[in-house]
């Protein structure tokens, strides 16, 4: 088969579409013929040499895919050859075929085409596990989403609204904020010109956000604590603004607030399977009903993965950038 290889870490040109050995479905796995994958920040970090796959995972980038099952490994039940699926991966999505643990499979939701389904697994699992399973967002609460126009952000807006929360977002520029508004965002903050702490406080009568989904890390830590409501929960899922910052424990204590930080790729299989099962139960009906949908910015052939990475790194996109085989 062919897959994207990275012989030497570097820029987008380091991604090379080359012939590689076929994967084999092991115990508890299925082999998926890939229709599409999606570009994530983790793929960029892997290409640059900063984020190696976990032990045992495919060395090819790609944390999600959609496609059709072409073989079942030993011990697999409940799935059949020919089923259309999408999947959460630890790696290997940028390829013509990939072996997937059965607990990380999802059926393609009703109303979503096979290619667009590749935009779902990573963002839905990330948002659901952090905003709902960990931070416990409830109806009537306020959710602040940093990077509202990103793949994660566009999904977080929709899921927040679907459960009855009020959603505030930060994004750069009027066009991106307009797209966030189309998806249901209630409070729009241009981080280039506005202070999100002031804007969120003004929009909540001084109370602040009950849950904050943060991709920036150190750069936003102090301001995120300022923006949190009493009993607020800050969920950190990215470190685009650095890894080290001081925490005012007094402010945290006074607000009875909580900070959590998670990654998805390196979690044990059983934890990923539990998240995928929760997503299938709670989110897939919302997608089938049309209340939540994948947001796709652009689609490129897999051989043009370098261009897709350039688009993601430019931050010009809204939603997901996909790669097709």
Protein backbone atom coordinates (compact mmCIF):
# COMPACT_ATOMS: atom_id res chain seq x y z
CA UNK A 1 0.00 0.00 0.00
CA UNK A 2 0.94 3.68 0.01
CA UNK A 3 1.20 5.91 3.08
CA UNK A 4 2.67 9.24 4.12
CA UNK A 5 6.17 8.69 5.47
CA UNK A 6 8.46 11.03 7.42
CA UNK A 7 12.08 10.04 6.84
CA UNK A 8 13.46 13.19 8.48
CA UNK A 9 11.54 15.68 10.65
CA UNK A 10 11.02 19.07 9.02
CA UNK A 11 8.61 21.27 7.13
CA UNK A 12 5.61 20.13 5.11
CA UNK A 13 7.94 18.80 2.40
CA UNK A 14 8.99 16.07 4.85
CA UNK A 15 5.67 14.33 4.16
CA UNK A 16 6.22 11.83 1.33
CA UNK A 17 3.58 9.54 -0.22
CA UNK A 18 5.49 6.25 -0.60
CA UNK A 19 5.00 2.50 -0.85
CA UNK A 20 5.12 0.74 2.53
CA UNK A 21 4.22 -2.71 3.90
CA UNK A 22 0.53 -3.49 4.37
CA UNK A 23 -0.74 -3.51 7.97
CA UNK A 24 -2.34 -6.65 9.40
CA UNK A 25 -5.32 -6.75 11.75
CA UNK A 26 -4.21 -8.24 15.05
CA UNK A 27 -6.20 -9.60 17.97
CA UNK A 28 -9.22 -7.37 18.58
CA UNK A 29 -8.55 -5.21 15.51
CA UNK A 30 -10.09 -4.65 12.10
CA UNK A 31 -8.37 -3.59 8.91
CA UNK A 32 -9.89 -0.47 7.37
CA UNK A 33 -9.47 0.63 3.76
CA UNK A 34 -9.10 4.36 4.25
CA UNK A 35 -11.35 6.75 2.35
CA UNK A 36 -10.17 9.88 4.17
CA UNK A 37 -8.17 11.12 7.12
CA UNK A 38 -7.91 14.56 8.72
CA UNK A 39 -5.06 16.91 9.61
CA UNK A 40 -4.57 17.66 13.30
CA UNK A 41 -2.04 19.80 15.18
CA UNK A 42 -0.55 16.59 16.56
CA UNK A 43 0.33 15.55 12.99
CA UNK A 44 2.21 18.81 12.51
CA UNK A 45 4.13 18.25 15.74
CA UNK A 46 4.96 14.67 14.68
CA UNK A 47 6.21 15.90 11.30
CA UNK A 48 8.44 18.42 13.09
CA UNK A 49 9.89 15.69 15.32
CA UNK A 50 8.22 16.82 18.57
CA UNK A 51 5.47 14.22 19.05
CA UNK A 52 6.35 10.59 18.43
CA UNK A 53 3.56 7.99 18.22
CA UNK A 54 3.03 5.92 21.36
CA UNK A 55 4.75 2.51 21.53
CA UNK A 56 3.17 -0.01 19.19
CA UNK A 57 1.30 2.56 17.12
CA UNK A 58 1.77 3.12 13.40
CA UNK A 59 4.64 5.44 12.53
CA UNK A 60 2.55 7.12 9.85
CA UNK A 61 0.70 10.28 10.94
CA UNK A 62 -3.07 10.52 11.11
CA UNK A 63 -5.20 10.35 14.28
CA UNK A 64 -8.53 9.57 12.64
CA UNK A 65 -9.95 8.11 9.46
CA UNK A 66 -13.06 6.97 7.65
CA UNK A 67 -13.39 4.02 5.32
CA UNK A 68 -14.63 0.45 4.92
CA UNK A 69 -13.71 -2.66 6.87
CA UNK A 70 -11.81 -5.11 4.64
CA UNK A 71 -10.72 -7.71 7.21
CA UNK A 72 -11.49 -8.78 10.78
CA UNK A 73 -8.78 -9.81 13.19
CA UNK A 74 -9.11 -12.66 15.70
CA UNK A 75 -11.67 -12.12 18.44
CA UNK A 76 -13.67 -9.40 16.64
CA UNK A 77 -17.46 -9.53 16.72
CA UNK A 78 -20.21 -7.04 16.01
CA UNK A 79 -18.62 -5.75 12.79
CA UNK A 80 -18.56 -7.11 9.25
CA UNK A 81 -16.40 -6.74 6.17
CA UNK A 82 -17.87 -3.92 4.09
CA UNK A 83 -19.13 -1.84 7.04
CA UNK A 84 -18.59 1.89 6.60
CA UNK A 85 -16.83 3.25 9.66
CA UNK A 86 -14.81 6.08 11.09
CA UNK A 87 -12.19 5.57 13.74
CA UNK A 88 -10.04 7.18 16.40
CA UNK A 89 -6.38 6.27 15.87
CA UNK A 90 -3.05 6.54 17.66
CA UNK A 91 -1.50 6.91 14.19
CA UNK A 92 -1.67 5.54 10.66
CA UNK A 93 -4.54 7.49 9.15
CA UNK A 94 -2.43 8.98 6.33
CA UNK A 95 -2.43 5.67 4.47
CA UNK A 96 -4.47 3.45 2.19
CA UNK A 97 -5.10 0.94 4.99
CA UNK A 98 -4.88 1.00 8.76
CA UNK A 99 -5.40 -1.52 11.59
CA UNK A 100 -7.84 -0.22 14.21
CA UNK A 101 -8.67 -1.55 17.71
CA UNK A 102 -12.32 -2.50 17.62
CA UNK A 103 -13.12 -0.27 20.62
CA UNK A 104 -12.13 2.79 18.60
CA UNK A 105 -14.54 2.16 15.72
CA UNK A 106 -17.72 4.09 15.07
CA UNK A 107 -20.31 3.58 12.35
CA UNK A 108 -20.56 6.44 9.86
CA UNK A 109 -23.48 8.50 11.22
CA UNK A 110 -26.69 8.75 9.25
CA UNK A 111 -26.68 11.78 6.98
CA UNK A 112 -22.88 12.08 6.81
CA UNK A 113 -20.96 10.97 3.71
CA UNK A 114 -18.00 8.65 4.04
CA UNK A 115 -15.31 11.28 3.39
CA UNK A 116 -16.79 13.90 5.73
CA UNK A 117 -17.00 11.30 8.50
CA UNK A 118 -13.19 11.50 8.78
CA UNK A 119 -13.66 14.95 10.31
CA UNK A 120 -15.47 13.55 13.34
CA UNK A 121 -13.60 11.04 15.57
CA UNK A 122 -10.75 13.13 16.99
CA UNK A 123 -12.70 16.34 17.59
CA UNK A 124 -15.83 14.67 18.93
CA UNK A 125 -13.90 12.41 21.29
CA UNK A 126 -11.73 15.32 22.47
CA UNK A 127 -14.65 17.66 23.09
CA UNK A 128 -16.97 15.11 24.66
CA UNK A 129 -14.32 13.66 26.98
CA UNK A 130 -13.08 17.03 28.20
CA UNK A 131 -16.11 19.32 28.20
CA UNK A 132 -18.69 16.77 29.31
CA UNK A 133 -17.06 13.68 30.85
CA UNK A 134 -14.39 15.61 32.80
CA UNK A 135 -15.62 19.21 33.14
CA UNK A 136 -19.31 18.24 33.38
CA UNK A 137 -20.85 21.09 31.36
CA UNK A 138 -24.54 21.37 32.22
CA UNK A 139 -27.54 23.06 30.58
CA UNK A 140 -27.68 26.77 31.37
CA UNK A 141 -23.94 27.07 32.03
CA UNK A 142 -21.50 29.16 29.98
CA UNK A 143 -18.78 27.47 27.94
CA UNK A 144 -15.80 29.50 26.66
CA UNK A 145 -14.05 27.93 23.68
CA UNK A 146 -10.66 29.24 22.61
CA UNK A 147 -10.02 28.83 18.90
CA UNK A 148 -13.70 28.69 18.06
CA UNK A 149 -13.11 28.37 14.31
CA UNK A 150 -10.79 25.35 14.59
CA UNK A 151 -11.91 21.77 14.15
CA UNK A 152 -12.17 21.37 17.92
CA UNK A 153 -13.84 24.75 18.28
CA UNK A 154 -16.52 24.24 15.63
CA UNK A 155 -17.50 20.96 17.28
CA UNK A 156 -17.42 22.38 20.82
CA UNK A 157 -19.78 25.20 19.80
CA UNK A 158 -22.30 22.78 18.37
CA UNK A 159 -22.18 20.31 21.25
CA UNK A 160 -22.38 23.08 23.83
CA UNK A 161 -25.49 24.50 22.19
CA UNK A 162 -27.01 21.05 21.73
CA UNK A 163 -26.99 20.44 25.50
CA UNK A 164 -28.42 23.87 26.31
CA UNK A 165 -25.29 25.80 27.29
CA UNK A 166 -24.40 29.36 26.37
CA UNK A 167 -21.24 29.40 24.24
CA UNK A 168 -18.58 32.12 24.05
CA UNK A 169 -15.68 31.86 21.61
CA UNK A 170 -12.41 33.53 20.79
CA UNK A 171 -11.21 33.69 17.19
CA UNK A 172 -9.15 35.99 14.99
CA UNK A 173 -11.11 38.29 12.70
CA UNK A 174 -14.70 39.04 11.72
CA UNK A 175 -14.98 36.28 9.13
CA UNK A 176 -14.06 33.52 11.55
CA UNK A 177 -16.32 34.94 14.23
CA UNK A 178 -19.18 35.09 11.73
CA UNK A 179 -18.73 31.37 11.03
CA UNK A 180 -18.77 30.70 14.76
CA UNK A 181 -22.01 32.64 15.04
CA UNK A 182 -23.53 30.54 12.24
CA UNK A 183 -22.78 27.44 14.31
CA UNK A 184 -24.56 28.94 17.33
CA UNK A 185 -21.93 30.85 19.32
CA UNK A 186 -23.59 33.48 21.53
CA UNK A 187 -20.58 35.59 22.57
CA UNK A 188 -17.96 36.48 19.95
CA UNK A 189 -14.52 37.73 21.00
CA UNK A 190 -11.85 38.81 18.54
CA UNK A 191 -8.71 37.99 20.51
CA UNK A 192 -6.70 40.40 18.36
CA UNK A 193 -8.72 43.40 19.50
CA UNK A 194 -10.65 42.42 22.62
CA UNK A 195 -9.91 41.09 26.10
CA UNK A 196 -11.77 37.82 26.47
CA UNK A 197 -11.83 38.16 30.27
CA UNK A 198 -13.69 41.47 30.08
CA UNK A 199 -16.00 40.29 27.31
CA UNK A 200 -16.99 37.07 29.07
CA UNK A 201 -17.58 38.84 32.35
CA UNK A 202 -19.71 41.47 30.62
CA UNK A 203 -21.75 38.80 28.86
CA UNK A 204 -22.38 36.87 32.09
CA UNK A 205 -23.15 39.73 34.42
CA UNK A 206 -19.74 39.44 36.02
CA UNK A 207 -20.05 35.74 36.79
CA UNK A 208 -17.58 34.35 34.24
CA UNK A 209 -17.44 31.07 32.33
CA UNK A 210 -18.38 27.82 34.02
CA UNK A 211 -16.21 25.74 31.66
CA UNK A 212 -13.26 26.86 29.51
CA UNK A 213 -11.84 24.67 26.76
CA UNK A 214 -8.28 25.89 26.22
CA UNK A 215 -5.75 25.15 23.47
CA UNK A 216 -3.18 27.79 24.49
CA UNK A 217 -1.79 26.53 27.79
CA UNK A 218 0.70 28.78 29.59
CA UNK A 219 -0.04 32.00 27.70
CA UNK A 220 -3.70 32.03 28.74
CA UNK A 221 -3.50 30.37 32.15
CA UNK A 222 -3.74 33.45 34.38
CA UNK A 223 -6.42 35.09 32.25
CA UNK A 224 -8.40 31.87 32.06
CA UNK A 225 -8.48 31.76 35.87
CA UNK A 226 -9.69 35.37 35.87
CA UNK A 227 -12.44 34.45 33.39
CA UNK A 228 -13.66 31.42 35.35
CA UNK A 229 -16.84 31.56 37.38
CA UNK A 230 -17.07 30.27 40.95
CA UNK A 231 -16.94 26.47 40.75
CA UNK A 232 -15.54 26.86 37.22
CA UNK A 233 -13.60 24.16 35.39
CA UNK A 234 -10.66 24.84 33.07
CA UNK A 235 -9.89 22.01 30.61
CA UNK A 236 -6.50 22.37 28.91
CA UNK A 237 -6.07 20.32 25.73
CA UNK A 238 -3.31 22.22 23.90
CA UNK A 239 -0.06 24.05 24.55
CA UNK A 240 0.18 26.41 21.59
CA UNK A 241 1.02 29.23 24.01
CA UNK A 242 3.71 27.43 25.98
CA UNK A 243 4.06 24.80 28.71
CA UNK A 244 5.09 26.67 31.87
CA UNK A 245 3.22 29.33 33.86
CA UNK A 246 2.59 30.29 37.47
CA UNK A 247 -0.78 29.51 39.03
CA UNK A 248 -2.35 31.80 41.63
CA UNK A 249 -3.55 29.11 43.99
CA UNK A 250 -5.34 31.72 46.06
CA UNK A 251 -7.54 32.66 43.11
CA UNK A 252 -8.16 29.00 42.37
CA UNK A 253 -9.10 28.36 45.99
CA UNK A 254 -11.35 31.40 46.23
CA UNK A 255 -13.32 30.28 43.19
CA UNK A 256 -13.35 26.61 44.21
CA UNK A 257 -12.19 26.04 40.64
CA UNK A 258 -10.52 23.07 38.97
CA UNK A 259 -7.86 22.72 36.27
CA UNK A 260 -7.57 19.55 34.23
CA UNK A 261 -5.21 18.73 31.39
CA UNK A 262 -5.61 15.73 29.11
CA UNK A 263 -4.32 14.20 25.90
CA UNK A 264 -6.15 11.57 23.88
CA UNK A 265 -3.50 9.86 21.77
CA UNK A 266 -1.57 8.16 24.55
CA UNK A 267 -4.51 6.96 26.64
CA UNK A 268 -4.86 3.21 27.24
CA UNK A 269 -7.11 1.32 24.83
CA UNK A 270 -9.80 0.79 27.46
CA UNK A 271 -10.03 4.53 28.18
CA UNK A 272 -10.31 5.34 24.48
CA UNK A 273 -12.97 2.66 24.09
CA UNK A 274 -15.00 4.16 26.94
CA UNK A 275 -14.84 7.62 25.33
CA UNK A 276 -15.81 6.22 21.92
CA UNK A 277 -18.76 4.35 23.48
CA UNK A 278 -19.95 7.54 25.19
CA UNK A 279 -19.65 9.46 21.92
CA UNK A 280 -21.69 6.84 20.09
CA UNK A 281 -24.38 6.98 22.77
CA UNK A 282 -24.62 10.74 23.24
CA UNK A 283 -23.27 12.46 20.12
CA UNK A 284 -24.14 10.17 17.22
CA UNK A 285 -27.92 10.76 17.66
CA UNK A 286 -27.27 14.53 17.53
CA UNK A 287 -25.39 14.11 14.26
CA UNK A 288 -28.04 11.81 12.79
CA UNK A 289 -30.71 14.39 13.64
CA UNK A 290 -28.73 17.18 11.93
CA UNK A 291 -28.26 19.22 15.11
CA UNK A 292 -24.50 18.65 14.96
CA UNK A 293 -22.46 18.27 11.78
CA UNK A 294 -18.84 18.02 10.67
CA UNK A 295 -17.36 21.29 9.43
CA UNK A 296 -14.91 20.74 6.55
CA UNK A 297 -12.72 23.58 5.30
CA UNK A 298 -11.05 21.79 2.38
CA UNK A 299 -10.17 18.34 1.04
CA UNK A 300 -6.85 17.34 -0.58
CA UNK A 301 -5.55 14.09 -2.08
CA UNK A 302 -3.32 12.24 0.37
CA UNK A 303 -0.32 12.87 -1.89
CA UNK A 304 -0.87 16.60 -1.29
CA UNK A 305 -0.51 16.28 2.48
CA UNK A 306 2.24 18.95 2.47
CA UNK A 307 -0.22 21.55 1.13
CA UNK A 308 -2.86 20.48 3.65
CA UNK A 309 -0.33 20.99 6.46
CA UNK A 310 0.51 24.46 5.13
CA UNK A 311 -3.17 25.40 5.27
CA UNK A 312 -3.49 24.19 8.85
CA UNK A 313 -0.32 25.98 9.95
CA UNK A 314 -1.51 29.23 8.33
CA UNK A 315 -4.60 29.14 10.59
CA UNK A 316 -6.66 30.31 7.62
CA UNK A 317 -9.05 27.38 7.92
CA UNK A 318 -12.44 27.04 9.58
CA UNK A 319 -13.19 23.48 10.68
CA UNK A 320 -11.27 20.46 9.47
CA UNK A 321 -8.79 19.91 6.63
CA UNK A 322 -9.21 16.43 5.11
CA UNK A 323 -7.02 14.09 3.06
CA UNK A 324 -8.46 11.50 0.69
CA UNK A 325 -6.89 8.34 -0.73
